[in-house]
PDB file of N, CA and C in Angstrom:
ATOM      1  N   UNK A   1     176.296  68.363 157.363  1.00  0.00           N
ATOM      2  CA  UNK A   1     177.285  69.421 156.255  1.00  0.00           C
ATOM      3  C   UNK A   1     176.310  69.190 154.856  1.00  0.00           C
ATOM      4  N   UNK A   2     175.876  69.721 153.797  1.00  0.00           N
ATOM      5  CA  UNK A   2     175.459  69.477 152.478  1.00  0.00           C
ATOM      6  C   UNK A   2     175.907  68.529 151.890  1.00  0.00           C
ATOM      7  N   UNK A   3     174.956  68.332 151.163  1.00  0.00           N
ATOM      8  CA  UNK A   3     176.070  67.633 150.021  1.00  0.00           C
ATOM      9  C   UNK A   3     174.693  67.298 148.565  1.00  0.00           C
ATOM     10  N   UNK A   4     175.749  67.097 147.613  1.00  0.00           N
ATOM     11  CA  UNK A   4     174.936  67.261 146.243  1.00  0.00           C
ATOM     12  C   UNK A   4     174.873  66.084 145.843  1.00  0.00           C
ATOM     13  N   UNK A   5     173.908  65.395 145.381  1.00  0.00           N
ATOM     14  CA  UNK A   5     173.348  64.251 145.029  1.00  0.00           C
ATOM     15  C   UNK A   5     173.829  64.244 143.252  1.00  0.00           C
ATOM     16  N   UNK A   6     174.434  63.108 142.946  1.00  0.00           N
ATOM     17  CA  UNK A   6     174.512  62.910 141.458  1.00  0.00           C
ATOM     18  C   UNK A   6     173.324  62.799 140.278  1.00  0.00           C
ATOM     19  N   UNK A   7     172.555  63.852 140.327  1.00  0.00           N
ATOM     20  CA  UNK A   7     171.399  63.042 139.218  1.00  0.00           C
ATOM     21  C   UNK A   7     171.646  64.006 137.556  1.00  0.00           C
ATOM     22  N   UNK A   8     171.633  63.071 136.971  1.00  0.00           N
ATOM     23  CA  UNK A   8     172.120  63.369 135.756  1.00  0.00           C
ATOM     24  C   UNK A   8     170.686  64.056 135.128  1.00  0.00           C
ATOM     25  N   UNK A   9     169.468  64.482 135.694  1.00  0.00           N
ATOM     26  CA  UNK A   9     168.707  65.270 135.439  1.00  0.00           C
ATOM     27  C   UNK A   9     168.738  66.912 136.101  1.00  0.00           C
ATOM     28  N   UNK A  10     169.915  66.774 136.579  1.00  0.00           N
ATOM     29  CA  UNK A  10     170.207  68.363 137.170  1.00  0.00           C
ATOM     30  C   UNK A  10     172.139  68.570 136.676  1.00  0.00           C
ATOM     31  N   UNK A  11     171.492  69.842 136.420  1.00  0.00           N
ATOM     32  CA  UNK A  11     173.119  70.604 135.422  1.00  0.00           C
ATOM     33  C   UNK A  11     173.556  71.957 136.401  1.00  0.00           C
ATOM     34  N   UNK A  12     174.479  72.495 136.610  1.00  0.00           N
ATOM     35  CA  UNK A  12     174.839  73.630 136.542  1.00  0.00           C
ATOM     36  C   UNK A  12     174.992  74.336 135.737  1.00  0.00           C
ATOM     37  N   UNK A  13     174.850  76.026 135.396  1.00  0.00           N
ATOM     38  CA  UNK A  13     175.608  76.560 134.130  1.00  0.00           C
ATOM     39  C   UNK A  13     176.332  77.032 135.046  1.00  0.00           C
ATOM     40  N   UNK A  14     177.889  77.263 134.358  1.00  0.00           N
ATOM     41  CA  UNK A  14     178.706  77.878 134.879  1.00  0.00           C
ATOM     42  C   UNK A  14     179.046  79.036 133.819  1.00  0.00           C
ATOM     43  N   UNK A  15     179.679  79.802 134.554  1.00  0.00           N
ATOM     44  CA  UNK A  15     180.323  81.306 133.828  1.00  0.00           C
ATOM     45  C   UNK A  15     181.628  81.763 134.235  1.00  0.00           C
ATOM     46  N   UNK A  16     182.993  81.484 134.042  1.00  0.00           N
ATOM     47  CA  UNK A  16     184.052  81.986 134.921  1.00  0.00           C
ATOM     48  C   UNK A  16     184.171  81.135 136.330  1.00  0.00           C
ATOM     49  N   UNK A  17     184.059  80.098 136.321  1.00  0.00           N
ATOM     50  CA  UNK A  17     183.702  79.255 137.666  1.00  0.00           C
ATOM     51  C   UNK A  17     182.609  79.230 138.695  1.00  0.00           C
ATOM     52  N   UNK A  18     181.622  80.387 138.074  1.00  0.00           N
ATOM     53  CA  UNK A  18     180.573  80.582 138.962  1.00  0.00           C
ATOM     54  C   UNK A  18     179.178  80.054 138.712  1.00  0.00           C
ATOM     55  N   UNK A  19     178.275  79.236 139.537  1.00  0.00           N
ATOM     56  CA  UNK A  19     177.354  78.903 139.018  1.00  0.00           C
ATOM     57  C   UNK A  19     176.447  79.710 138.845  1.00  0.00           C
ATOM     58  N   UNK A  20     176.040  79.987 137.501  1.00  0.00           N
ATOM     59  CA  UNK A  20     174.998  81.376 137.779  1.00  0.00           C
ATOM     60  C   UNK A  20     173.531  80.803 137.074  1.00  0.00           C
ATOM     61  N   UNK A  21     173.179  79.219 137.193  1.00  0.00           N
ATOM     62  CA  UNK A  21     172.021  78.874 136.596  1.00  0.00           C
ATOM     63  C   UNK A  21     171.825  77.236 136.557  1.00  0.00           C
ATOM     64  N   UNK A  22     170.856  76.930 136.196  1.00  0.00           N
ATOM     65  CA  UNK A  22     170.788  75.098 136.197  1.00  0.00           C
ATOM     66  C   UNK A  22     169.792  75.112 135.163  1.00  0.00           C
ATOM     67  N   UNK A  23     170.177  73.955 134.994  1.00  0.00           N
ATOM     68  CA  UNK A  23     169.043  73.103 133.538  1.00  0.00           C
ATOM     69  C   UNK A  23     168.934  71.814 133.946  1.00  0.00           C
ATOM     70  N   UNK A  24     167.706  71.316 133.984  1.00  0.00           N
ATOM     71  CA  UNK A  24     166.949  69.790 134.541  1.00  0.00           C
ATOM     72  C   UNK A  24     165.841  69.716 133.301  1.00  0.00           C
ATOM     73  N   UNK A  25     165.882  68.161 133.720  1.00  0.00           N
ATOM     74  CA  UNK A  25     164.648  67.666 133.240  1.00  0.00           C
ATOM     75  C   UNK A  25     163.784  66.959 134.094  1.00  0.00           C
ATOM     76  N   UNK A  26     162.579  66.717 134.355  1.00  0.00           N
ATOM     77  CA  UNK A  26     161.729  65.881 134.572  1.00  0.00           C
ATOM     78  C   UNK A  26     160.348  65.176 134.079  1.00  0.00           C
ATOM     79  N   UNK A  27     159.926  64.112 134.758  1.00  0.00           N
ATOM     80  CA  UNK A  27     159.250  63.129 133.574  1.00  0.00           C
ATOM     81  C   UNK A  27     157.862  63.575 134.046  1.00  0.00           C
ATOM     82  N   UNK A  28     156.990  64.234 132.964  1.00  0.00           N
ATOM     83  CA  UNK A  28     156.004  64.646 133.156  1.00  0.00           C
ATOM     84  C   UNK A  28     154.774  63.544 133.309  1.00  0.00           C
ATOM     85  N   UNK A  29     154.747  62.355 132.634  1.00  0.00           N
ATOM     86  CA  UNK A  29     154.005  61.145 133.209  1.00  0.00           C
ATOM     87  C   UNK A  29     155.122  60.507 134.275  1.00  0.00           C
ATOM     88  N   UNK A  30     155.709  60.338 135.227  1.00  0.00           N
ATOM     89  CA  UNK A  30     156.222  59.827 136.547  1.00  0.00           C
ATOM     90  C   UNK A  30     156.851  58.419 136.258  1.00  0.00           C
ATOM     91  N   UNK A  31     156.457  57.465 136.764  1.00  0.00           N
ATOM     92  CA  UNK A  31     157.031  56.278 136.156  1.00  0.00           C
ATOM     93  C   UNK A  31     157.141  55.772 135.124  1.00  0.00           C
ATOM     94  N   UNK A  32     155.916  56.195 134.136  1.00  0.00           N
ATOM     95  CA  UNK A  32     156.445  56.068 133.031  1.00  0.00           C
ATOM     96  C   UNK A  32     157.467  56.031 131.898  1.00  0.00           C
ATOM     97  N   UNK A  33     157.802  57.298 132.751  1.00  0.00           N
ATOM     98  CA  UNK A  33     159.065  57.925 131.815  1.00  0.00           C
ATOM     99  C   UNK A  33     159.180  57.887 130.224  1.00  0.00           C
ATOM    100  N   UNK A  34     158.056  58.196 129.852  1.00  0.00           N
ATOM    101  CA  UNK A  34     158.151  58.678 128.043  1.00  0.00           C
ATOM    102  C   UNK A  34     157.953  60.427 128.102  1.00  0.00           C
ATOM    103  N   UNK A  35     157.554  61.059 128.850  1.00  0.00           N
ATOM    104  CA  UNK A  35     157.053  62.038 128.765  1.00  0.00           C
ATOM    105  C   UNK A  35     158.336  63.041 129.183  1.00  0.00           C
ATOM    106  N   UNK A  36     159.555  63.771 128.706  1.00  0.00           N
ATOM    107  CA  UNK A  36     160.478  64.112 130.044  1.00  0.00           C
ATOM    108  C   UNK A  36     160.240  65.564 128.998  1.00  0.00           C
ATOM    109  N   UNK A  37     160.283  66.748 130.195  1.00  0.00           N
ATOM    110  CA  UNK A  37     160.160  67.849 130.051  1.00  0.00           C
ATOM    111  C   UNK A  37     161.183  68.842 130.566  1.00  0.00           C
ATOM    112  N   UNK A  38     162.095  69.943 129.854  1.00  0.00           N
ATOM    113  CA  UNK A  38     163.472  70.069 130.562  1.00  0.00           C
ATOM    114  C   UNK A  38     163.331  71.657 131.247  1.00  0.00           C
ATOM    115  N   UNK A  39     163.903  72.391 132.001  1.00  0.00           N
ATOM    116  CA  UNK A  39     164.144  73.136 132.888  1.00  0.00           C
ATOM    117  C   UNK A  39     165.326  73.885 132.454  1.00  0.00           C
ATOM    118  N   UNK A  40     164.557  75.831 132.491  1.00  0.00           N
ATOM    119  CA  UNK A  40     166.546  76.621 132.822  1.00  0.00           C
ATOM    120  C   UNK A  40     166.389  77.706 133.016  1.00  0.00           C
ATOM    121  N   UNK A  41     167.386  77.782 134.388  1.00  0.00           N
ATOM    122  CA  UNK A  41     167.132  79.026 135.079  1.00  0.00           C
ATOM    123  C   UNK A  41     168.588  79.542 135.127  1.00  0.00           C
ATOM    124  N   UNK A  42     167.973  81.289 134.657  1.00  0.00           N
ATOM    125  CA  UNK A  42     169.625  81.796 134.885  1.00  0.00           C
ATOM    126  C   UNK A  42     169.134  82.325 136.090  1.00  0.00           C
ATOM    127  N   UNK A  43     170.258  82.823 137.261  1.00  0.00           N
ATOM    128  CA  UNK A  43     169.283  83.389 138.563  1.00  0.00           C
ATOM    129  C   UNK A  43     169.471  84.788 137.910  1.00  0.00           C
ATOM    130  N   UNK A  44     170.647  85.109 137.818  1.00  0.00           N
ATOM    131  CA  UNK A  44     170.602  86.709 137.676  1.00  0.00           C
ATOM    132  C   UNK A  44     169.903  87.274 136.432  1.00  0.00           C
ATOM    133  N   UNK A  45     169.319  87.814 136.360  1.00  0.00           N
ATOM    134  CA  UNK A  45     168.716  89.099 135.207  1.00  0.00           C
ATOM    135  C   UNK A  45     169.602  89.541 134.132  1.00  0.00           C
ATOM    136  N   UNK A  46     170.903  90.156 135.481  1.00  0.00           N
ATOM    137  CA  UNK A  46     172.221  90.604 134.910  1.00  0.00           C
ATOM    138  C   UNK A  46     172.964  89.361 133.837  1.00  0.00           C
ATOM    139  N   UNK A  47     172.588  88.708 133.969  1.00  0.00           N
ATOM    140  CA  UNK A  47     173.165  87.839 133.007  1.00  0.00           C
ATOM    141  C   UNK A  47     172.387  87.375 131.708  1.00  0.00           C
ATOM    142  N   UNK A  48     171.002  87.546 131.829  1.00  0.00           N
ATOM    143  CA  UNK A  48     170.250  87.163 130.768  1.00  0.00           C
ATOM    144  C   UNK A  48     170.573  88.202 129.316  1.00  0.00           C
ATOM    145  N   UNK A  49     170.210  87.750 128.300  1.00  0.00           N
ATOM    146  CA  UNK A  49     170.309  87.968 126.824  1.00  0.00           C
ATOM    147  C   UNK A  49     171.691  88.385 126.463  1.00  0.00           C
ATOM    148  N   UNK A  50     172.852  87.392 127.350  1.00  0.00           N
ATOM    149  CA  UNK A  50     174.135  87.252 126.625  1.00  0.00           C
ATOM    150  C   UNK A  50     174.412  85.905 126.187  1.00  0.00           C
ATOM    151  N   UNK A  51     173.345  85.256 125.602  1.00  0.00           N
ATOM    152  CA  UNK A  51     173.821  83.415 124.909  1.00  0.00           C
ATOM    153  C   UNK A  51     173.775  82.464 125.955  1.00  0.00           C
ATOM    154  N   UNK A  52     174.056  82.454 127.539  1.00  0.00           N
ATOM    155  CA  UNK A  52     174.465  81.441 128.267  1.00  0.00           C
ATOM    156  C   UNK A  52     173.477  80.651 128.300  1.00  0.00           C
ATOM    157  N   UNK A  53     171.912  80.713 128.204  1.00  0.00           N
ATOM    158  CA  UNK A  53     170.369  80.088 128.181  1.00  0.00           C
ATOM    159  C   UNK A  53     170.940  79.536 126.519  1.00  0.00           C
ATOM    160  N   UNK A  54     170.960  79.788 125.652  1.00  0.00           N
ATOM    161  CA  UNK A  54     170.841  78.902 124.433  1.00  0.00           C
ATOM    162  C   UNK A  54     172.064  78.061 124.266  1.00  0.00           C
ATOM    163  N   UNK A  55     173.214  78.533 124.908  1.00  0.00           N
ATOM    164  CA  UNK A  55     174.264  77.368 124.980  1.00  0.00           C
ATOM    165  C   UNK A  55     173.915  76.723 125.637  1.00  0.00           C
ATOM    166  N   UNK A  56     173.487  76.531 127.026  1.00  0.00           N
ATOM    167  CA  UNK A  56     173.472  75.577 127.881  1.00  0.00           C
ATOM    168  C   UNK A  56     172.133  74.625 127.296  1.00  0.00           C
ATOM    169  N   UNK A  57     170.828  75.134 126.807  1.00  0.00           N
ATOM    170  CA  UNK A  57     169.938  74.379 126.418  1.00  0.00           C
ATOM    171  C   UNK A  57     170.318  73.793 125.304  1.00  0.00           C
ATOM    172  N   UNK A  58     170.769  74.278 124.568  1.00  0.00           N
ATOM    173  CA  UNK A  58     171.637  73.808 123.083  1.00  0.00           C
ATOM    174  C   UNK A  58     172.260  71.937 123.896  1.00  0.00           C
ATOM    175  N   UNK A  59     173.516  72.338 124.641  1.00  0.00           N
ATOM    176  CA  UNK A  59     174.210  71.309 125.279  1.00  0.00           C
ATOM    177  C   UNK A  59     173.417  70.259 126.180  1.00  0.00           C
ATOM    178  N   UNK A  60     172.297  70.916 126.823  1.00  0.00           N
ATOM    179  CA  UNK A  60     171.673  70.031 127.687  1.00  0.00           C
ATOM    180  C   UNK A  60     170.959  69.275 126.631  1.00  0.00           C
ATOM    181  N   UNK A  61     170.144  69.895 125.529  1.00  0.00           N
ATOM    182  CA  UNK A  61     169.232  68.838 124.966  1.00  0.00           C
ATOM    183  C   UNK A  61     170.233  67.748 124.363  1.00  0.00           C
ATOM    184  N   UNK A  62     171.333  68.112 123.673  1.00  0.00           N
ATOM    185  CA  UNK A  62     171.875  66.792 123.273  1.00  0.00           C
ATOM    186  C   UNK A  62     172.531  66.170 124.117  1.00  0.00           C
ATOM    187  N   UNK A  63     172.536  66.433 125.587  1.00  0.00           N
ATOM    188  CA  UNK A  63     173.075  65.613 126.213  1.00  0.00           C
ATOM    189  C   UNK A  63     171.720  64.724 126.958  1.00  0.00           C
ATOM    190  N   UNK A  64     170.891  65.174 126.770  1.00  0.00           N
ATOM    191  CA  UNK A  64     169.381  64.664 127.129  1.00  0.00           C
ATOM    192  C   UNK A  64     168.798  63.032 126.129  1.00  0.00           C
ATOM    193  N   UNK A  65     169.260  63.863 124.947  1.00  0.00           N
ATOM    194  CA  UNK A  65     169.069  62.615 123.959  1.00  0.00           C
ATOM    195  C   UNK A  65     169.889  61.612 123.711  1.00  0.00           C
ATOM    196  N   UNK A  66     171.013  61.887 124.845  1.00  0.00           N
ATOM    197  CA  UNK A  66     172.021  60.949 124.767  1.00  0.00           C
ATOM    198  C   UNK A  66     171.884  60.115 125.295  1.00  0.00           C
ATOM    199  N   UNK A  67     171.194  60.571 126.559  1.00  0.00           N
ATOM    200  CA  UNK A  67     170.666  59.475 127.815  1.00  0.00           C
ATOM    201  C   UNK A  67     169.701  58.543 127.901  1.00  0.00           C
ATOM    202  N   UNK A  68     168.696  59.390 127.263  1.00  0.00           N
ATOM    203  CA  UNK A  68     167.573  58.780 126.616  1.00  0.00           C
ATOM    204  C   UNK A  68     166.855  58.487 125.404  1.00  0.00           C
ATOM    205  N   UNK A  69     166.073  57.347 125.331  1.00  0.00           N
ATOM    206  CA  UNK A  69     165.503  57.143 124.284  1.00  0.00           C
ATOM    207  C   UNK A  69     164.435  57.429 124.121  1.00  0.00           C
ATOM    208  N   UNK A  70     164.033  58.335 123.928  1.00  0.00           N
ATOM    209  CA  UNK A  70     162.988  59.377 123.532  1.00  0.00           C
ATOM    210  C   UNK A  70     162.805  60.457 122.569  1.00  0.00           C
ATOM    211  N   UNK A  71     161.860  60.134 121.647  1.00  0.00           N
ATOM    212  CA  UNK A  71     161.548  60.696 120.543  1.00  0.00           C
ATOM    213  C   UNK A  71     161.323  62.241 120.770  1.00  0.00           C
ATOM    214  N   UNK A  72     160.788  62.984 121.264  1.00  0.00           N
ATOM    215  CA  UNK A  72     160.382  64.064 122.187  1.00  0.00           C
ATOM    216  C   UNK A  72     161.402  64.984 123.309  1.00  0.00           C
ATOM    217  N   UNK A  73     161.350  66.145 123.621  1.00  0.00           N
ATOM    218  CA  UNK A  73     161.592  66.518 124.723  1.00  0.00           C
ATOM    219  C   UNK A  73     161.294  68.073 124.371  1.00  0.00           C
ATOM    220  N   UNK A  74     160.715  68.399 125.809  1.00  0.00           N
ATOM    221  CA  UNK A  74     159.895  69.739 125.687  1.00  0.00           C
ATOM    222  C   UNK A  74     159.937  71.021 126.391  1.00  0.00           C
ATOM    223  N   UNK A  75     159.749  71.813 126.877  1.00  0.00           N
ATOM    224  CA  UNK A  75     159.439  72.755 128.071  1.00  0.00           C
ATOM    225  C   UNK A  75     158.046  73.341 128.127  1.00  0.00           C
ATOM    226  N   UNK A  76     157.874  73.703 129.229  1.00  0.00           N
ATOM    227  CA  UNK A  76     156.798  74.257 129.553  1.00  0.00           C
ATOM    228  C   UNK A  76     156.721  75.784 130.400  1.00  0.00           C
ATOM    229  N   UNK A  77     156.123  76.652 129.676  1.00  0.00           N
ATOM    230  CA  UNK A  77     156.188  78.377 130.256  1.00  0.00           C
ATOM    231  C   UNK A  77     154.933  78.727 130.082  1.00  0.00           C
ATOM    232  N   UNK A  78     154.896  79.989 130.543  1.00  0.00           N
ATOM    233  CA  UNK A  78     153.812  80.723 130.311  1.00  0.00           C
ATOM    234  C   UNK A  78     153.482  81.903 129.335  1.00  0.00           C
ATOM    235  N   UNK A  79     152.677  82.460 128.771  1.00  0.00           N
ATOM    236  CA  UNK A  79     152.831  83.236 127.729  1.00  0.00           C
ATOM    237  C   UNK A  79     153.540  84.767 127.822  1.00  0.00           C
ATOM    238  N   UNK A  80     153.610  85.193 129.325  1.00  0.00           N
ATOM    239  CA  UNK A  80     154.094  86.367 129.534  1.00  0.00           C
ATOM    240  C   UNK A  80     155.768  86.113 129.225  1.00  0.00           C
ATOM    241  N   UNK A  81     156.047  85.015 129.459  1.00  0.00           N
ATOM    242  CA  UNK A  81     157.736  85.005 129.812  1.00  0.00           C
ATOM    243  C   UNK A  81     158.467  84.952 127.648  1.00  0.00           C
ATOM    244  N   UNK A  82     158.529  86.073 127.707  1.00  0.00           N
ATOM    245  CA  UNK A  82     159.157  86.530 126.500  1.00  0.00           C
ATOM    246  C   UNK A  82     159.888  85.395 125.981  1.00  0.00           C
ATOM    247  N   UNK A  83     161.376  85.711 126.912  1.00  0.00           N
ATOM    248  CA  UNK A  83     162.499  85.371 126.951  1.00  0.00           C
ATOM    249  C   UNK A  83     162.473  84.152 126.813  1.00  0.00           C
ATOM    250  N   UNK A  84     161.616  82.732 127.269  1.00  0.00           N
ATOM    251  CA  UNK A  84     161.737  81.577 127.417  1.00  0.00           C
ATOM    252  C   UNK A  84     161.049  81.094 125.936  1.00  0.00           C
ATOM    253  N   UNK A  85     160.301  82.165 125.550  1.00  0.00           N
ATOM    254  CA  UNK A  85     159.510  81.362 124.379  1.00  0.00           C
ATOM    255  C   UNK A  85     160.791  81.892 123.269  1.00  0.00           C
ATOM    256  N   UNK A  86     161.303  82.634 123.270  1.00  0.00           N
ATOM    257  CA  UNK A  86     162.435  82.930 122.470  1.00  0.00           C
ATOM    258  C   UNK A  86     163.725  82.526 122.604  1.00  0.00           C
ATOM    259  N   UNK A  87     163.972  81.297 123.545  1.00  0.00           N
ATOM    260  CA  UNK A  87     164.905  80.536 123.764  1.00  0.00           C
ATOM    261  C   UNK A  87     164.167  79.408 123.513  1.00  0.00           C
ATOM    262  N   UNK A  88     163.183  78.837 123.765  1.00  0.00           N
ATOM    263  CA  UNK A  88     162.776  77.544 122.537  1.00  0.00           C
ATOM    264  C   UNK A  88     162.881  77.380 121.473  1.00  0.00           C
ATOM    265  N   UNK A  89     162.574  79.138 120.867  1.00  0.00           N
ATOM    266  CA  UNK A  89     162.366  79.005 119.368  1.00  0.00           C
ATOM    267  C   UNK A  89     163.958  78.851 118.723  1.00  0.00           C
ATOM    268  N   UNK A  90     164.999  79.707 119.783  1.00  0.00           N
ATOM    269  CA  UNK A  90     166.206  79.629 119.075  1.00  0.00           C
ATOM    270  C   UNK A  90     166.663  78.651 118.822  1.00  0.00           C
ATOM    271  N   UNK A  91     166.706  77.353 119.797  1.00  0.00           N
ATOM    272  CA  UNK A  91     167.135  76.137 119.778  1.00  0.00           C
ATOM    273  C   UNK A  91     166.323  75.133 118.738  1.00  0.00           C
ATOM    274  N   UNK A  92     164.834  75.547 118.282  1.00  0.00           N
ATOM    275  CA  UNK A  92     164.773  74.466 117.115  1.00  0.00           C
ATOM    276  C   UNK A  92     163.262  73.987 117.914  1.00  0.00           C
ATOM    277  N   UNK A  93     162.788  74.372 118.717  1.00  0.00           N
ATOM    278  CA  UNK A  93     161.178  74.206 119.333  1.00  0.00           C
ATOM    279  C   UNK A  93     160.364  74.311 118.984  1.00  0.00           C
ATOM    280  N   UNK A  94     159.088  74.198 118.451  1.00  0.00           N
ATOM    281  CA  UNK A  94     157.921  75.156 118.378  1.00  0.00           C
ATOM    282  C   UNK A  94     156.909  74.462 119.020  1.00  0.00           C
ATOM    283  N   UNK A  95     155.880  75.801 119.183  1.00  0.00           N
ATOM    284  CA  UNK A  95     154.781  75.709 120.450  1.00  0.00           C
ATOM    285  C   UNK A  95     153.973  74.024 119.861  1.00  0.00           C
ATOM    286  N   UNK A  96     153.775  73.648 120.442  1.00  0.00           N
ATOM    287  CA  UNK A  96     152.836  72.275 120.368  1.00  0.00           C
ATOM    288  C   UNK A  96     151.962  72.744 121.281  1.00  0.00           C
ATOM    289  N   UNK A  97     151.380  73.303 122.163  1.00  0.00           N
ATOM    290  CA  UNK A  97     150.405  73.206 122.985  1.00  0.00           C
ATOM    291  C   UNK A  97     149.939  75.009 123.790  1.00  0.00           C
ATOM    292  N   UNK A  98     149.134  74.636 123.774  1.00  0.00           N
ATOM    293  CA  UNK A  98     148.853  76.081 124.542  1.00  0.00           C
ATOM    294  C   UNK A  98     147.302  76.138 125.490  1.00  0.00           C
ATOM    295  N   UNK A  99     147.239  76.308 126.600  1.00  0.00           N
ATOM    296  CA  UNK A  99     145.985  75.890 127.531  1.00  0.00           C
ATOM    297  C   UNK A  99     145.644  77.705 128.035  1.00  0.00           C
ATOM    298  N   UNK A 100     145.085  78.409 127.489  1.00  0.00           N
ATOM    299  CA  UNK A 100     144.532  79.767 127.455  1.00  0.00           C
ATOM    300  C   UNK A 100     144.327  79.670 128.570  1.00  0.00           C
ATOM    301  N   UNK A 101     144.326  81.050 129.289  1.00  0.00           N
ATOM    302  CA  UNK A 101     144.500  81.909 130.689  1.00  0.00           C
ATOM    303  C   UNK A 101     144.724  80.384 132.345  1.00  0.00           C
ATOM    304  N   UNK A 102     145.394  80.112 132.178  1.00  0.00           N
ATOM    305  CA  UNK A 102     145.651  79.183 133.490  1.00  0.00           C
ATOM    306  C   UNK A 102     146.353  79.456 134.375  1.00  0.00           C
ATOM    307  N   UNK A 103     147.398  80.886 133.972  1.00  0.00           N
ATOM    308  CA  UNK A 103     148.396  80.774 134.677  1.00  0.00           C
ATOM    309  C   UNK A 103     148.180  82.113 135.385  1.00  0.00           C
ATOM    310  N   UNK A 104     147.861  82.433 136.807  1.00  0.00           N
ATOM    311  CA  UNK A 104     147.925  83.741 137.140  1.00  0.00           C
ATOM    312  C   UNK A 104     148.572  83.934 137.759  1.00  0.00           C
ATOM    313  N   UNK A 105     148.935  85.233 137.470  1.00  0.00           N
ATOM    314  CA  UNK A 105     150.114  86.473 137.885  1.00  0.00           C
ATOM    315  C   UNK A 105     150.016  88.085 137.609  1.00  0.00           C
ATOM    316  N   UNK A 106     150.530  88.696 138.723  1.00  0.00           N
ATOM    317  CA  UNK A 106     150.216  90.121 138.439  1.00  0.00           C
ATOM    318  C   UNK A 106     148.925  90.535 138.038  1.00  0.00           C
ATOM    319  N   UNK A 107     148.025  89.802 138.867  1.00  0.00           N
ATOM    320  CA  UNK A 107     146.460  90.267 138.899  1.00  0.00           C
ATOM    321  C   UNK A 107     146.181  90.246 137.555  1.00  0.00           C
ATOM    322  N   UNK A 108     146.167  89.093 136.924  1.00  0.00           N
ATOM    323  CA  UNK A 108     145.715  88.794 135.239  1.00  0.00           C
ATOM    324  C   UNK A 108     146.092  87.150 134.625  1.00  0.00           C
ATOM    325  N   UNK A 109     145.671  87.209 134.072  1.00  0.00           N
ATOM    326  CA  UNK A 109     145.488  85.106 133.701  1.00  0.00           C
ATOM    327  C   UNK A 109     146.646  85.585 132.101  1.00  0.00           C
ATOM    328  N   UNK A 110     147.079  84.510 132.179  1.00  0.00           N
ATOM    329  CA  UNK A 110     148.426  84.324 131.124  1.00  0.00           C
ATOM    330  C   UNK A 110     148.000  82.423 130.738  1.00  0.00           C
ATOM    331  N   UNK A 111     148.659  82.080 129.158  1.00  0.00           N
ATOM    332  CA  UNK A 111     147.917  81.003 129.075  1.00  0.00           C
ATOM    333  C   UNK A 111     149.404  80.281 129.633  1.00  0.00           C
ATOM    334  N   UNK A 112     149.084  78.810 129.718  1.00  0.00           N
ATOM    335  CA  UNK A 112     150.413  78.301 129.928  1.00  0.00           C
ATOM    336  C   UNK A 112     150.766  77.036 128.151  1.00  0.00           C
ATOM    337  N   UNK A 113     152.109  77.552 128.173  1.00  0.00           N
ATOM    338  CA  UNK A 113     152.570  77.398 126.721  1.00  0.00           C
ATOM    339  C   UNK A 113     153.517  76.103 126.821  1.00  0.00           C
ATOM    340  N   UNK A 114     153.461  75.072 125.439  1.00  0.00           N
ATOM    341  CA  UNK A 114     154.391  74.191 125.551  1.00  0.00           C
ATOM    342  C   UNK A 114     154.816  74.415 124.110  1.00  0.00           C
ATOM    343  N   UNK A 115     156.244  74.360 124.438  1.00  0.00           N
ATOM    344  CA  UNK A 115     157.188  73.819 123.182  1.00  0.00           C
ATOM    345  C   UNK A 115     158.213  72.910 123.009  1.00  0.00           C
ATOM    346  N   UNK A 116     158.208  72.004 122.005  1.00  0.00           N
ATOM    347  CA  UNK A 116     159.203  71.238 121.559  1.00  0.00           C
ATOM    348  C   UNK A 116     159.628  70.625 120.359  1.00  0.00           C
ATOM    349  N   UNK A 117     160.769  69.341 120.643  1.00  0.00           N
ATOM    350  CA  UNK A 117     161.016  69.422 119.214  1.00  0.00           C
ATOM    351  C   UNK A 117     161.454  67.764 119.597  1.00  0.00           C
ATOM    352  N   UNK A 118     161.075  67.462 118.205  1.00  0.00           N
ATOM    353  CA  UNK A 118     161.457  65.905 118.291  1.00  0.00           C
ATOM    354  C   UNK A 118     163.023  65.478 117.646  1.00  0.00           C
ATOM    355  N   UNK A 119     163.551  64.353 118.454  1.00  0.00           N
ATOM    356  CA  UNK A 119     165.022  63.675 118.095  1.00  0.00           C
ATOM    357  C   UNK A 119     165.363  64.283 116.456  1.00  0.00           C
ATOM    358  N   UNK A 120     164.305  63.548 115.595  1.00  0.00           N
ATOM    359  CA  UNK A 120     164.834  64.057 114.282  1.00  0.00           C
ATOM    360  C   UNK A 120     164.715  65.289 114.008  1.00  0.00           C
ATOM    361  N   UNK A 121     163.873  65.779 114.004  1.00  0.00           N
ATOM    362  CA  UNK A 121     164.379  67.813 114.190  1.00  0.00           C
ATOM    363  C   UNK A 121     165.573  67.932 114.626  1.00  0.00           C
ATOM    364  N   UNK A 122     165.841  67.615 115.959  1.00  0.00           N
ATOM    365  CA  UNK A 122     166.863  68.038 116.376  1.00  0.00           C
ATOM    366  C   UNK A 122     168.344  67.691 115.547  1.00  0.00           C
ATOM    367  N   UNK A 123     168.408  66.518 115.325  1.00  0.00           N
ATOM    368  CA  UNK A 123     169.633  65.561 114.193  1.00  0.00           C
ATOM    369  C   UNK A 123     169.870  66.549 113.378  1.00  0.00           C
ATOM    370  N   UNK A 124     168.538  66.710 112.689  1.00  0.00           N
ATOM    371  CA  UNK A 124     168.662  67.605 111.452  1.00  0.00           C
ATOM    372  C   UNK A 124     169.172  68.852 111.623  1.00  0.00           C
ATOM    373  N   UNK A 125     169.072  69.462 112.588  1.00  0.00           N
ATOM    374  CA  UNK A 125     169.217  70.950 112.993  1.00  0.00           C
ATOM    375  C   UNK A 125     170.431  70.769 113.200  1.00  0.00           C
ATOM    376  N   UNK A 126     171.194  69.861 113.635  1.00  0.00           N
ATOM    377  CA  UNK A 126     172.465  69.459 114.483  1.00  0.00           C
ATOM    378  C   UNK A 126     173.882  69.635 112.580  1.00  0.00           C
ATOM    379  N   UNK A 127     172.935  68.852 111.954  1.00  0.00           N
ATOM    380  CA  UNK A 127     173.564  68.938 110.691  1.00  0.00           C
ATOM    381  C   UNK A 127     173.189  70.008 109.984  1.00  0.00           C
ATOM    382  N   UNK A 128     172.616  70.879 110.116  1.00  0.00           N
ATOM    383  CA  UNK A 128     172.892  71.946 109.208  1.00  0.00           C
ATOM    384  C   UNK A 128     174.142  73.259 110.301  1.00  0.00           C
ATOM    385  N   UNK A 129     174.134  72.956 110.881  1.00  0.00           N
ATOM    386  CA  UNK A 129     175.427  73.342 111.851  1.00  0.00           C
ATOM    387  C   UNK A 129     177.148  73.569 111.137  1.00  0.00           C
TER     388      UNK A 129
END
């Protein structure tokens, strides 16, 4: 049978008892464990634009900053993913890097973009709410 692994860096996004997506975290620098990138996916586009992603990412950033003693968390996406870019900005992240025309999709090249937030910025943002 299938078994779930208890991984603190993966969590489900649930709505009314239904698994609608996942949040994750992985180390960009492998065993050094100083550079953590987050991921989020909402499976069904019918669930997009309803605030699930922002709620989940808000809670995930809180949780991950609570789990690891790191100054920075980030997200990597591509320049054509307007929703992910909007989500990163909505939770207080800012664009930190852009590698031009390295992602190939639908017969054209797109930029790879990285957004991030520092722990001190996150905490300052929490205090304003």
